[in-house]
Amino acid sequence: MTRFPDALRPASLGSDGMVAASHPAISRAGANVLERGGTAVDAALAMAAVAWLALPGQCGIGGDAFALVHQPDGTVQAFCGSGFGPDGGTPERYAGMRSIPRYGALSVTVPGAIAALEALHRAGATQSLTDLWAPAVTLAQRGLPCTARTAGDIREHTSRLAADPDTAAALLPGGGVPAVGTRLPQLALASSIKRLADDPAALYTGELAERAVEHLNGLDAPFSGDEWAAAATVLPESALRRRYGGHWVYQTPMPTPGWMVLDQLSVCDGELGDAPLSAEEVHWLAGAARIAFADRYARAGSDSDGWRLGGEPAAVEAARARIASGDLPGPAGANPSGDTTSMVAVDGEGRAVSLIQSLAFTFGAGITIPGTGIVLNNRLGRGAYLVPGHPNEVKPRRKPVHTLNAWLVTDDEGRLRHVGNTPGGDGQVQWNTQLVSHLLDHGAGPQAAVDAPRFTVFPGSDAGDLGSPAELRVEDRLGPDVLDGLRRLGHHVVPVGDWGAGGSSQVISVDHEHGCFAGGSDSRQEGVALGV
């Protein structure tokens, strides 16, 4: 068997718990909580709030959040926080448009992150949100140094950010792009974090919600306010799961595309393992992704039930036959880029949290609720279709299908083996499948798994890119022989550089034999895994 590629650095180790995230300040916040005796749920909640300051282009109070929680008794629950578009957002409201605008007020859905985090808090936190979010309040008041990632995001979107006075005030100090290292204090956001720690429901009812609705109405987005109140409560749900490689893989349910990861794994089960990242293996994984995206575009809607392969033997065999013959479906359309961040936490009692947050695209809609520092998402513009009769067609009280998903792996006894995540739009369901395969098919360590050469079927199924030409975007580290082999197998190969595929994966593995944790944080970004 061919050896799995080495990582740039060894995995981090921990004895009593571990966290991993895409920015050192986020990881440190979680590790501090674990060191004080908090649970993995406490740690994840503290990390989520710091992420709003450390990665403002990727997540925020005005975005969405999803999580999986593994409890010490082996049970797994999902928490799905996304919101509705406007009650006045009927298909007729968008007549004459090919797609909902990607940016601006018409692209906004009600934020789901705070409702999901409040539900997560009820599921296993031992500390108050006020205490857990106090470090984020302090950081917002003092300002975190601007990273190269954030400076680049601001530079790319300067004109959008400058068009909104509150957004410009927070992210364009002095009217220009901040230099790397510049502190970015956000006093209004600090007040909002403190307020929502005391009363999370304030985002959905009362004065804060009224302010948001009034501002959006003034920008011609037909919110009533009732859809905000309807998004205030998130309840724990049963996670999806499927058997793969002698383990159980768990995923988040709709409106997330977690089912797509499980369907890809069903198609690949037993077909991989001899030659990691060979042309044949990449071809198989890419083919499974193409079929999953075609299935998603044909059937997926957050309130429909005909959206997944479901592991039916006949459907799995038909998919395998298509991959083996090279008869893959044409593109539906989507961009694998996306602005999202993920974090994972595990404690010594066996709890684990995989948490992912997003504004949809960079800085979301580019609109801030006046006086709050809360930037709103653009999930409706990214996720909902204007295709008549489609199960994902925009309509009131229908959540658009999502790109965010979270996963974890257990053994037959319910013991945690791996927990992970990766941001990256429609790349997520592909890269998460690749991560699970690396870990279970090849026995890769967590750092090797997240650093492995990455590849991406483009397009997937984002609303604004329907019909784009099919590509297989690959990191050059796969090697010229593999790239040539993929071309011979019929793929339109587009090299993206050694580390240019995107994403920022986080994985923590549990070594039950030695009684320790091992963590990996993607070298494509500046994150770290920290053990305690």
Protein backbone atom coordinates (compact mmCIF):
# COMPACT_ATOMS: atom_id res chain seq x y z
CA MET A 1 0.00 0.00 0.00
CA THR A 2 1.29 3.46 -0.90
CA ARG A 3 2.15 5.64 2.08
CA PHE A 4 -0.07 8.63 2.78
CA PRO A 5 1.72 11.98 2.17
CA ASP A 6 3.45 13.55 5.15
CA ALA A 7 2.18 16.78 6.70
CA LEU A 8 4.20 19.99 6.92
CA ARG A 9 4.24 19.67 10.70
CA PRO A 10 3.37 17.02 13.29
CA ALA A 11 -0.05 16.79 14.88
CA SER A 12 -0.58 18.62 18.15
CA LEU A 13 -1.21 16.45 21.22
CA GLY A 14 -3.34 16.82 24.32
CA SER A 15 -4.09 14.71 27.36
CA ASP A 16 -7.27 16.23 28.81
CA GLY A 17 -8.85 17.95 25.84
CA MET A 18 -8.15 19.77 22.59
CA VAL A 19 -9.41 22.56 20.35
CA ALA A 20 -8.63 23.56 16.77
CA ALA A 21 -9.62 26.62 14.75
CA SER A 22 -8.49 28.84 11.88
CA HIS A 23 -7.02 31.64 14.02
CA PRO A 24 -4.78 31.38 17.11
CA ALA A 25 -6.98 33.69 19.20
CA ILE A 26 -9.99 31.45 18.56
CA SER A 27 -8.09 28.32 19.60
CA ARG A 28 -6.66 30.03 22.67
CA ALA A 29 -10.14 31.07 23.82
CA GLY A 30 -11.30 27.45 23.69
CA ALA A 31 -8.18 26.08 25.37
CA ASN A 32 -8.54 28.61 28.19
CA VAL A 33 -12.08 27.41 28.86
CA LEU A 34 -11.01 23.75 28.92
CA GLU A 35 -8.16 24.56 31.30
CA ARG A 36 -10.66 26.19 33.67
CA GLY A 37 -12.70 22.97 33.75
CA GLY A 38 -15.26 23.85 31.08
CA THR A 39 -16.77 21.33 28.71
CA ALA A 40 -16.25 21.08 24.98
CA VAL A 41 -19.58 22.88 24.60
CA ASP A 42 -18.32 25.75 26.76
CA ALA A 43 -15.13 25.88 24.72
CA ALA A 44 -16.94 25.91 21.38
CA LEU A 45 -19.22 28.74 22.50
CA ALA A 46 -16.27 30.86 23.62
CA MET A 47 -14.50 30.17 20.34
CA ALA A 48 -17.57 31.09 18.29
CA ALA A 49 -17.69 34.60 19.76
CA VAL A 50 -13.96 35.28 19.33
CA ALA A 51 -14.28 34.16 15.70
CA TRP A 52 -16.59 37.13 15.06
CA LEU A 53 -13.63 39.41 15.83
CA ALA A 54 -10.78 37.32 14.42
CA LEU A 55 -12.43 36.50 11.08
CA PRO A 56 -15.04 39.22 10.44
CA GLY A 57 -15.31 38.43 6.74
CA GLN A 58 -16.17 34.81 7.43
CA CYS A 59 -18.67 34.86 10.30
CA GLY A 60 -20.63 37.02 12.67
CA ILE A 61 -23.73 37.50 14.77
CA GLY A 62 -25.62 38.28 11.57
CA GLY A 63 -24.78 34.91 10.02
CA ASP A 64 -25.67 31.25 10.46
CA ALA A 65 -24.23 28.41 12.55
CA PHE A 66 -24.51 24.62 12.64
CA ALA A 67 -23.08 22.13 15.10
CA LEU A 68 -22.84 18.46 15.96
CA VAL A 69 -22.40 17.46 19.60
CA HIS A 70 -21.15 14.05 20.74
CA GLN A 71 -22.12 13.38 24.35
CA PRO A 72 -20.17 11.11 26.74
CA ASP A 73 -22.87 8.44 26.46
CA GLY A 74 -22.33 8.21 22.68
CA THR A 75 -25.43 10.11 21.58
CA VAL A 76 -25.05 12.69 18.83
CA GLN A 77 -27.27 15.75 18.35
CA ALA A 78 -27.41 18.39 15.64
CA PHE A 79 -28.11 22.11 16.04
CA CYS A 80 -29.13 23.92 12.86
CA GLY A 81 -29.22 27.70 12.94
CA SER A 82 -30.33 29.36 9.71
CA GLY A 83 -33.21 31.70 9.01
CA PHE A 84 -35.94 32.59 6.58
CA GLY A 85 -35.94 35.14 3.84
CA PRO A 86 -38.51 37.96 3.98
CA ASP A 87 -42.20 37.17 4.31
CA GLY A 88 -42.73 39.41 1.31
CA GLY A 89 -40.15 37.49 -0.72
CA THR A 90 -42.53 35.62 -3.02
CA PRO A 91 -41.34 34.49 -6.46
CA GLU A 92 -43.33 37.36 -7.95
CA ARG A 93 -41.26 39.84 -5.91
CA TYR A 94 -38.21 38.86 -7.96
CA ALA A 95 -39.92 38.82 -11.36
CA GLY A 96 -37.58 39.78 -14.16
CA MET A 97 -34.46 38.66 -12.28
CA ARG A 98 -32.36 35.66 -13.30
CA SER A 99 -31.25 35.19 -9.71
CA ILE A 100 -31.65 36.92 -6.37
CA PRO A 101 -28.96 39.61 -5.96
CA ARG A 102 -25.86 38.23 -4.27
CA TYR A 103 -25.32 41.35 -2.14
CA GLY A 104 -27.45 44.03 -0.54
CA ALA A 105 -30.71 43.93 1.38
CA LEU A 106 -32.49 41.53 -0.99
CA SER A 107 -29.84 38.87 -0.29
CA VAL A 108 -30.45 38.70 3.48
CA THR A 109 -32.01 35.95 5.57
CA VAL A 110 -32.79 36.17 9.27
CA PRO A 111 -29.56 35.29 11.13
CA GLY A 112 -29.60 31.84 12.71
CA ALA A 113 -26.27 31.77 14.56
CA ILE A 114 -27.40 33.23 17.89
CA ALA A 115 -30.43 30.93 18.11
CA ALA A 116 -28.21 27.90 17.39
CA LEU A 117 -25.59 28.93 19.92
CA GLU A 118 -28.23 29.48 22.60
CA ALA A 119 -29.56 25.97 21.91
CA LEU A 120 -26.03 24.58 22.02
CA HIS A 121 -25.53 26.30 25.37
CA ARG A 122 -28.59 24.52 26.77
CA ALA A 123 -27.19 21.18 25.59
CA GLY A 124 -24.10 20.94 27.74
CA ALA A 125 -22.60 24.23 28.87
CA THR A 126 -21.59 24.68 32.49
CA GLN A 127 -20.82 28.40 32.29
CA SER A 128 -23.05 31.34 31.41
CA LEU A 129 -22.92 32.94 27.98
CA THR A 130 -22.04 36.18 29.76
CA ASP A 131 -18.87 34.59 31.13
CA LEU A 132 -18.07 32.65 27.97
CA TRP A 133 -18.41 35.71 25.72
CA ALA A 134 -16.68 38.17 28.05
CA PRO A 135 -13.27 37.60 26.37
CA ALA A 136 -14.83 38.42 22.99
CA VAL A 137 -16.31 41.61 24.42
CA THR A 138 -12.86 42.63 25.66
CA LEU A 139 -11.23 41.82 22.33
CA ALA A 140 -13.88 43.82 20.47
CA GLN A 141 -13.23 46.81 22.72
CA ARG A 142 -9.45 46.61 22.37
CA GLY A 143 -9.35 45.43 18.77
CA LEU A 144 -7.59 42.37 17.39
CA PRO A 145 -4.70 42.95 14.98
CA CYS A 146 -5.86 42.78 11.37
CA THR A 147 -4.58 39.61 9.71
CA ALA A 148 -3.37 39.29 6.14
CA ARG A 149 -6.57 37.33 5.40
CA THR A 150 -8.84 40.07 6.74
CA ALA A 151 -6.84 42.85 5.07
CA GLY A 152 -7.12 40.99 1.77
CA ASP A 153 -10.85 40.50 2.25
CA ILE A 154 -11.34 44.20 2.98
CA ARG A 155 -9.22 45.21 0.00
CA GLU A 156 -11.23 42.99 -2.34
CA HIS A 157 -14.57 44.31 -1.09
CA THR A 158 -13.69 47.92 -0.31
CA SER A 159 -16.35 49.46 -2.53
CA ARG A 160 -19.14 47.35 -0.99
CA LEU A 161 -18.00 48.04 2.56
CA ALA A 162 -17.60 51.76 1.91
CA ALA A 163 -21.20 51.99 0.67
CA ASP A 164 -22.60 51.19 4.14
CA PRO A 165 -21.67 53.79 6.79
CA ASP A 166 -21.65 51.46 9.80
CA THR A 167 -19.72 48.74 7.98
CA ALA A 168 -17.19 51.28 6.73
CA ALA A 169 -16.71 52.73 10.20
CA ALA A 170 -15.76 49.33 11.61
CA LEU A 171 -13.64 47.91 8.79
CA LEU A 172 -12.25 50.92 6.89
CA PRO A 173 -10.63 53.02 9.65
CA GLY A 174 -9.71 56.39 8.24
CA GLY A 175 -11.45 55.44 5.00
CA GLY A 176 -8.78 53.02 3.81
CA VAL A 177 -7.77 49.36 3.95
CA PRO A 178 -6.07 48.66 7.30
CA ALA A 179 -2.48 47.51 7.23
CA VAL A 180 -1.71 44.05 8.55
CA GLY A 181 -1.32 44.34 12.30
CA THR A 182 -3.64 47.34 12.68
CA ARG A 183 -5.94 46.91 15.65
CA LEU A 184 -9.61 46.94 14.66
CA PRO A 185 -11.69 47.86 17.71
CA GLN A 186 -15.44 47.40 17.26
CA LEU A 187 -17.16 49.15 20.16
CA ALA A 188 -20.70 48.80 18.81
CA LEU A 189 -20.17 45.08 18.26
CA ALA A 190 -18.77 44.73 21.78
CA SER A 191 -22.02 46.17 23.16
CA SER A 192 -24.08 43.83 20.98
CA ILE A 193 -22.15 40.74 22.09
CA LYS A 194 -22.64 41.72 25.74
CA ARG A 195 -26.32 42.38 25.19
CA LEU A 196 -26.95 39.08 23.40
CA ALA A 197 -25.00 37.11 25.99
CA ASP A 198 -27.51 38.34 28.55
CA ASP A 199 -30.54 37.92 26.26
CA PRO A 200 -30.02 35.99 22.99
CA ALA A 201 -33.69 36.42 22.06
CA ALA A 202 -33.13 40.17 21.71
CA LEU A 203 -31.89 39.63 18.15
CA TYR A 204 -35.26 38.18 17.15
CA THR A 205 -37.87 40.17 19.10
CA GLY A 206 -37.97 43.63 20.58
CA GLU A 207 -36.04 46.78 19.76
CA LEU A 208 -32.99 45.19 18.12
CA ALA A 209 -35.08 43.09 15.75
CA GLU A 210 -37.30 46.08 15.00
CA ARG A 211 -34.22 48.15 14.15
CA ALA A 212 -32.99 45.47 11.76
CA VAL A 213 -36.36 45.11 10.02
CA GLU A 214 -36.84 48.86 9.73
CA HIS A 215 -33.39 49.28 8.16
CA LEU A 216 -33.94 46.43 5.69
CA ASN A 217 -37.40 47.73 4.78
CA GLY A 218 -35.81 51.08 4.03
CA LEU A 219 -33.52 49.27 1.59
CA ASP A 220 -36.54 47.64 -0.11
CA ALA A 221 -36.26 44.18 1.49
CA PRO A 222 -39.83 43.07 2.36
CA PHE A 223 -39.33 41.71 5.89
CA SER A 224 -42.35 41.77 8.20
CA GLY A 225 -40.60 41.06 11.51
CA ASP A 226 -42.63 37.90 12.06
CA GLU A 227 -40.02 35.82 10.24
CA TRP A 228 -37.41 37.12 12.70
CA ALA A 229 -39.48 35.98 15.68
CA ALA A 230 -40.05 32.60 13.98
CA ALA A 231 -36.28 31.98 13.78
CA ALA A 232 -35.65 32.60 17.48
CA THR A 233 -35.81 28.97 18.65
CA VAL A 234 -33.54 26.13 17.57
CA LEU A 235 -34.20 22.66 18.93
CA PRO A 236 -31.75 19.74 18.97
CA GLU A 237 -32.27 17.29 16.11
CA SER A 238 -31.20 13.76 15.33
CA ALA A 239 -28.00 13.68 13.33
CA LEU A 240 -27.81 11.80 10.04
CA ARG A 241 -25.43 8.85 10.06
CA ARG A 242 -24.06 6.21 7.76
CA ARG A 243 -21.61 3.34 8.07
CA TYR A 244 -18.25 3.75 6.37
CA GLY A 245 -14.97 1.92 6.72
CA GLY A 246 -16.07 0.06 9.84
CA HIS A 247 -17.16 3.27 11.60
CA TRP A 248 -20.22 5.49 11.94
CA VAL A 249 -20.05 8.87 10.25
CA TYR A 250 -22.48 11.52 11.55
CA GLN A 251 -23.63 14.62 9.72
CA THR A 252 -25.96 17.59 10.12
CA PRO A 253 -29.48 17.28 8.61
CA MET A 254 -31.28 19.62 6.19
CA PRO A 255 -31.07 22.43 5.32
CA THR A 256 -27.38 21.49 5.35
CA PRO A 257 -25.89 19.27 2.63
CA GLY A 258 -24.62 16.77 5.19
CA TRP A 259 -26.49 14.03 3.31
CA MET A 260 -24.23 14.72 0.31
CA VAL A 261 -21.15 13.69 2.31
CA LEU A 262 -22.86 10.49 3.41
CA ASP A 263 -24.01 9.72 -0.14
CA GLN A 264 -20.50 10.22 -1.49
CA LEU A 265 -19.15 7.90 1.19
CA SER A 266 -21.76 5.25 0.30
CA VAL A 267 -20.61 5.32 -3.32
CA CYS A 268 -16.93 5.18 -2.33
CA ASP A 269 -17.14 2.57 0.45
CA GLY A 270 -14.83 -0.33 -0.41
CA GLU A 271 -13.54 1.33 -3.57
CA LEU A 272 -10.66 3.31 -2.02
CA GLY A 273 -7.66 2.48 0.10
CA ASP A 274 -4.85 1.04 -2.04
CA ALA A 275 -3.28 4.15 -3.54
CA PRO A 276 -4.02 7.39 -1.68
CA LEU A 277 -4.50 10.39 -3.96
CA SER A 278 -3.83 8.42 -7.11
CA ALA A 279 -5.57 9.41 -10.34
CA GLU A 280 -8.01 6.53 -9.87
CA GLU A 281 -8.88 7.51 -6.31
CA VAL A 282 -9.31 11.21 -7.17
CA HIS A 283 -11.46 10.20 -10.15
CA TRP A 284 -13.70 8.11 -7.90
CA LEU A 285 -14.12 10.81 -5.28
CA ALA A 286 -14.70 13.49 -7.93
CA GLY A 287 -17.29 11.31 -9.66
CA ALA A 288 -19.16 10.73 -6.41
CA ALA A 289 -19.19 14.50 -5.84
CA ARG A 290 -20.55 15.19 -9.35
CA ILE A 291 -23.39 12.73 -8.80
CA ALA A 292 -24.21 14.20 -5.37
CA PHE A 293 -24.38 17.73 -6.81
CA ALA A 294 -26.62 16.59 -9.65
CA ASP A 295 -28.86 14.90 -7.09
CA ARG A 296 -28.92 18.06 -5.00
CA TYR A 297 -29.87 20.30 -7.89
CA ALA A 298 -32.55 17.91 -9.10
CA ARG A 299 -34.24 17.33 -5.73
CA ALA A 300 -32.93 19.34 -2.79
CA GLY A 301 -35.12 21.68 -0.80
CA SER A 302 -35.12 22.36 2.92
CA ASP A 303 -38.80 21.35 3.22
CA SER A 304 -38.78 18.44 0.72
CA ASP A 305 -38.02 14.78 1.35
CA GLY A 306 -36.82 13.62 -2.07
CA TRP A 307 -33.34 15.01 -1.85
CA ARG A 308 -30.94 12.19 -1.17
CA LEU A 309 -29.71 8.90 -2.49
CA GLY A 310 -30.24 7.45 0.96
CA GLY A 311 -27.79 4.59 0.58
CA GLU A 312 -30.24 2.45 -1.39
CA PRO A 313 -28.20 -0.42 -2.89
CA ALA A 314 -29.59 0.02 -6.40
CA ALA A 315 -28.85 3.75 -6.42
CA VAL A 316 -25.35 3.20 -5.03
CA GLU A 317 -24.56 0.58 -7.65
CA ALA A 318 -25.89 2.80 -10.43
CA ALA A 319 -23.66 5.64 -9.23
CA ARG A 320 -20.64 3.34 -9.09
CA ALA A 321 -21.31 2.14 -12.62
CA ARG A 322 -21.41 5.74 -13.86
CA ILE A 323 -18.06 6.54 -12.23
CA ALA A 324 -16.43 3.38 -13.55
CA SER A 325 -17.60 4.16 -17.09
CA GLY A 326 -16.80 7.87 -16.91
CA ASP A 327 -20.46 8.71 -17.58
CA LEU A 328 -20.69 11.59 -15.13
CA PRO A 329 -23.46 14.19 -15.00
CA GLY A 330 -22.88 17.66 -16.41
CA PRO A 331 -22.51 20.65 -14.13
CA ALA A 332 -25.41 22.21 -12.29
CA GLY A 333 -23.49 25.28 -11.15
CA ALA A 334 -21.66 26.57 -8.09
CA ASN A 335 -18.55 28.24 -6.84
CA PRO A 336 -16.60 26.31 -4.19
CA SER A 337 -15.46 29.53 -2.60
CA GLY A 338 -17.27 30.75 0.45
CA ASP A 339 -16.66 32.70 3.58
CA THR A 340 -17.08 30.49 6.55
CA THR A 341 -15.02 29.32 9.48
CA SER A 342 -15.10 26.16 11.56
CA MET A 343 -13.84 25.06 14.96
CA VAL A 344 -13.77 21.82 16.92
CA ALA A 345 -13.45 21.05 20.62
CA VAL A 346 -13.12 17.82 22.64
CA ASP A 347 -12.99 17.40 26.40
CA GLY A 348 -11.69 14.64 28.64
CA GLU A 349 -15.17 13.23 29.32
CA GLY A 350 -15.80 12.36 25.68
CA ARG A 351 -17.84 15.39 24.62
CA ALA A 352 -17.04 16.81 21.22
CA VAL A 353 -18.37 19.73 19.22
CA SER A 354 -17.97 20.42 15.53
CA LEU A 355 -19.16 23.99 14.91
CA ILE A 356 -19.27 25.99 11.69
CA GLN A 357 -20.34 29.60 11.12
CA SER A 358 -20.80 31.73 8.01
CA LEU A 359 -21.96 35.00 6.48
CA ALA A 360 -22.36 33.16 3.12
CA PHE A 361 -19.99 35.28 0.98
CA THR A 362 -17.27 37.60 2.30
CA PHE A 363 -18.82 40.16 4.68
CA GLY A 364 -22.24 38.80 3.74
CA ALA A 365 -24.67 41.37 2.39
CA GLY A 366 -22.28 44.20 3.30
CA ILE A 367 -25.01 45.75 5.46
CA THR A 368 -24.72 46.48 9.18
CA ILE A 369 -27.72 46.91 11.48
CA PRO A 370 -27.26 50.59 12.43
CA GLY A 371 -25.54 51.19 15.75
CA THR A 372 -24.88 47.50 16.46
CA GLY A 373 -21.79 46.41 14.51
CA ILE A 374 -23.78 43.37 13.33
CA VAL A 375 -23.08 42.64 9.66
CA LEU A 376 -25.89 40.70 7.98
CA ASN A 377 -25.50 37.59 5.85
CA ASN A 378 -26.39 37.14 2.17
CA ARG A 379 -27.57 33.53 2.37
CA LEU A 380 -30.79 34.12 0.40
CA GLY A 381 -28.81 35.50 -2.53
CA ARG A 382 -26.41 32.61 -2.35
CA GLY A 383 -28.76 29.73 -1.67
CA ALA A 384 -32.29 30.27 -3.02
CA TYR A 385 -33.27 29.65 -6.65
CA LEU A 386 -35.58 31.52 -9.00
CA VAL A 387 -36.47 28.30 -10.82
CA PRO A 388 -40.27 27.92 -10.95
CA GLY A 389 -41.49 24.85 -9.10
CA HIS A 390 -38.05 23.85 -7.84
CA PRO A 391 -38.01 22.56 -4.22
CA ASN A 392 -35.41 25.25 -3.50
CA GLU A 393 -37.34 28.05 -5.22
CA VAL A 394 -37.49 31.16 -3.05
CA LYS A 395 -40.68 31.46 -1.03
CA PRO A 396 -41.67 32.81 2.40
CA ARG A 397 -40.86 30.54 5.36
CA ARG A 398 -38.68 28.27 3.23
CA LYS A 399 -35.05 28.25 4.28
CA PRO A 400 -32.64 28.16 1.33
CA VAL A 401 -30.47 25.07 1.03
CA HIS A 402 -27.14 25.58 2.72
CA THR A 403 -23.45 24.88 2.18
CA LEU A 404 -22.51 24.51 5.86
CA ASN A 405 -22.19 21.04 7.41
CA ALA A 406 -20.42 19.38 10.32
CA TRP A 407 -19.22 15.81 10.89
CA LEU A 408 -17.82 13.39 13.43
CA VAL A 409 -16.92 9.69 13.49
CA THR A 410 -17.48 7.06 16.18
CA ASP A 411 -16.76 3.37 16.57
CA ASP A 412 -19.46 0.74 17.13
CA GLU A 413 -19.36 1.38 20.88
CA GLY A 414 -20.20 5.04 20.35
CA ARG A 415 -16.72 6.23 21.30
CA LEU A 416 -15.50 9.33 19.49
CA ARG A 417 -12.75 8.63 16.95
CA HIS A 418 -12.58 11.80 14.86
CA VAL A 419 -14.31 15.17 14.73
CA GLY A 420 -13.72 17.75 12.04
CA ASN A 421 -14.89 20.38 9.66
CA THR A 422 -13.85 22.63 6.81
CA PRO A 423 -15.18 25.89 5.37
CA GLY A 424 -15.37 26.63 1.66
CA GLY A 425 -18.82 26.88 0.10
CA ASP A 426 -19.64 23.90 -2.09
CA GLY A 427 -16.09 22.68 -1.54
CA GLN A 428 -17.13 21.66 1.98
CA VAL A 429 -19.03 18.50 1.11
CA GLN A 430 -16.17 17.38 -1.14
CA TRP A 431 -13.32 18.19 1.23
CA ASN A 432 -15.13 16.69 4.22
CA THR A 433 -15.58 13.48 2.23
CA GLN A 434 -11.89 13.55 1.37
CA LEU A 435 -10.97 14.08 5.03
CA VAL A 436 -13.05 11.12 6.20
CA SER A 437 -11.50 8.94 3.48
CA HIS A 438 -7.98 10.02 4.43
CA LEU A 439 -8.63 9.14 8.08
CA LEU A 440 -10.53 5.88 7.62
CA ASP A 441 -9.28 4.46 4.32
CA HIS A 442 -5.63 5.35 4.79
CA GLY A 443 -5.15 5.80 8.53
CA ALA A 444 -3.85 9.33 8.06
CA GLY A 445 -3.15 11.41 11.12
CA PRO A 446 -5.19 14.59 11.59
CA GLN A 447 -2.47 16.99 10.44
CA ALA A 448 -1.66 14.88 7.39
CA ALA A 449 -5.36 14.69 6.55
CA VAL A 450 -5.93 18.46 6.62
CA ASP A 451 -2.70 19.22 4.74
CA ALA A 452 -3.23 16.61 2.00
CA PRO A 453 -3.46 17.87 -1.61
CA ARG A 454 -7.03 18.96 -2.21
CA PHE A 455 -9.25 18.77 -5.29
CA THR A 456 -12.63 20.27 -6.08
CA VAL A 457 -15.39 19.54 -8.55
CA PHE A 458 -16.57 22.86 -9.99
CA PRO A 459 -19.34 23.89 -10.26
CA GLY A 460 -21.65 22.48 -7.63
CA SER A 461 -25.09 24.05 -7.15
CA ASP A 462 -24.90 27.68 -5.98
CA ALA A 463 -27.76 29.78 -7.31
CA GLY A 464 -25.68 32.42 -9.06
CA ASP A 465 -23.47 30.09 -11.10
CA LEU A 466 -25.87 27.64 -12.69
CA GLY A 467 -24.52 26.24 -15.95
CA SER A 468 -20.82 27.07 -15.57
CA PRO A 469 -18.44 24.75 -17.51
CA ALA A 470 -17.27 21.64 -15.65
CA GLU A 471 -13.79 21.73 -14.12
CA LEU A 472 -11.75 19.64 -11.71
CA ARG A 473 -9.67 22.11 -9.73
CA VAL A 474 -6.60 20.42 -8.27
CA GLU A 475 -3.63 21.38 -6.18
CA ASP A 476 -0.39 20.87 -8.07
CA ARG A 477 1.03 18.79 -5.21
CA LEU A 478 -0.95 15.85 -6.54
CA GLY A 479 1.89 15.62 -9.08
CA PRO A 480 2.10 15.69 -12.89
CA ASP A 481 1.49 11.95 -13.28
CA VAL A 482 -1.81 12.16 -11.35
CA LEU A 483 -2.91 15.27 -13.25
CA ASP A 484 -2.15 13.58 -16.58
CA GLY A 485 -4.01 10.47 -15.43
CA LEU A 486 -7.06 12.57 -14.57
CA ARG A 487 -7.02 14.14 -18.00
CA ARG A 488 -6.93 10.69 -19.58
CA LEU A 489 -9.96 9.79 -17.45
CA GLY A 490 -11.87 12.66 -19.03
CA HIS A 491 -11.54 15.47 -16.48
CA HIS A 492 -10.95 19.09 -17.46
CA VAL A 493 -8.10 19.62 -14.99
CA VAL A 494 -7.42 23.15 -13.73
CA PRO A 495 -4.30 23.42 -11.50
CA VAL A 496 -4.64 25.99 -8.71
CA GLY A 497 -1.12 25.98 -7.24
CA ASP A 498 0.36 23.88 -4.49
CA TRP A 499 -1.96 25.20 -1.76
CA GLY A 500 -4.61 27.09 -3.72
CA ALA A 501 -7.71 24.90 -3.44
CA GLY A 502 -9.13 26.81 -0.47
CA GLY A 503 -10.63 25.73 2.80
CA SER A 504 -9.24 25.66 6.31
CA SER A 505 -9.86 22.21 7.77
CA GLN A 506 -9.75 21.27 11.44
CA VAL A 507 -9.58 17.67 12.76
CA ILE A 508 -9.17 16.19 16.22
CA SER A 509 -8.63 12.43 16.57
CA VAL A 510 -8.88 10.36 19.74
CA ASP A 511 -6.17 7.78 20.41
CA HIS A 512 -7.96 5.44 22.80
CA GLU A 513 -4.97 3.09 22.99
CA HIS A 514 -2.63 5.74 24.38
CA GLY A 515 -5.24 7.91 26.05
CA CYS A 516 -4.53 11.14 24.21
CA PHE A 517 -5.86 13.53 21.58
CA ALA A 518 -4.16 14.48 18.32
CA GLY A 519 -5.17 17.57 16.39
CA GLY A 520 -4.51 19.08 12.99
CA SER A 521 -5.16 22.61 11.73
CA ASP A 522 -4.98 23.42 8.03
CA SER A 523 -1.67 24.93 6.91
CA ARG A 524 -3.57 26.90 4.26
CA GLN A 525 -4.52 29.36 7.01
CA GLU A 526 -2.96 30.52 10.27
CA GLY A 527 -4.95 28.31 12.64
CA VAL A 528 -3.62 26.01 15.34
CA ALA A 529 -4.70 22.94 17.29
CA LEU A 530 -4.06 23.28 21.03
CA GLY A 531 -4.13 20.47 23.57
CA VAL A 532 -4.67 20.81 27.31
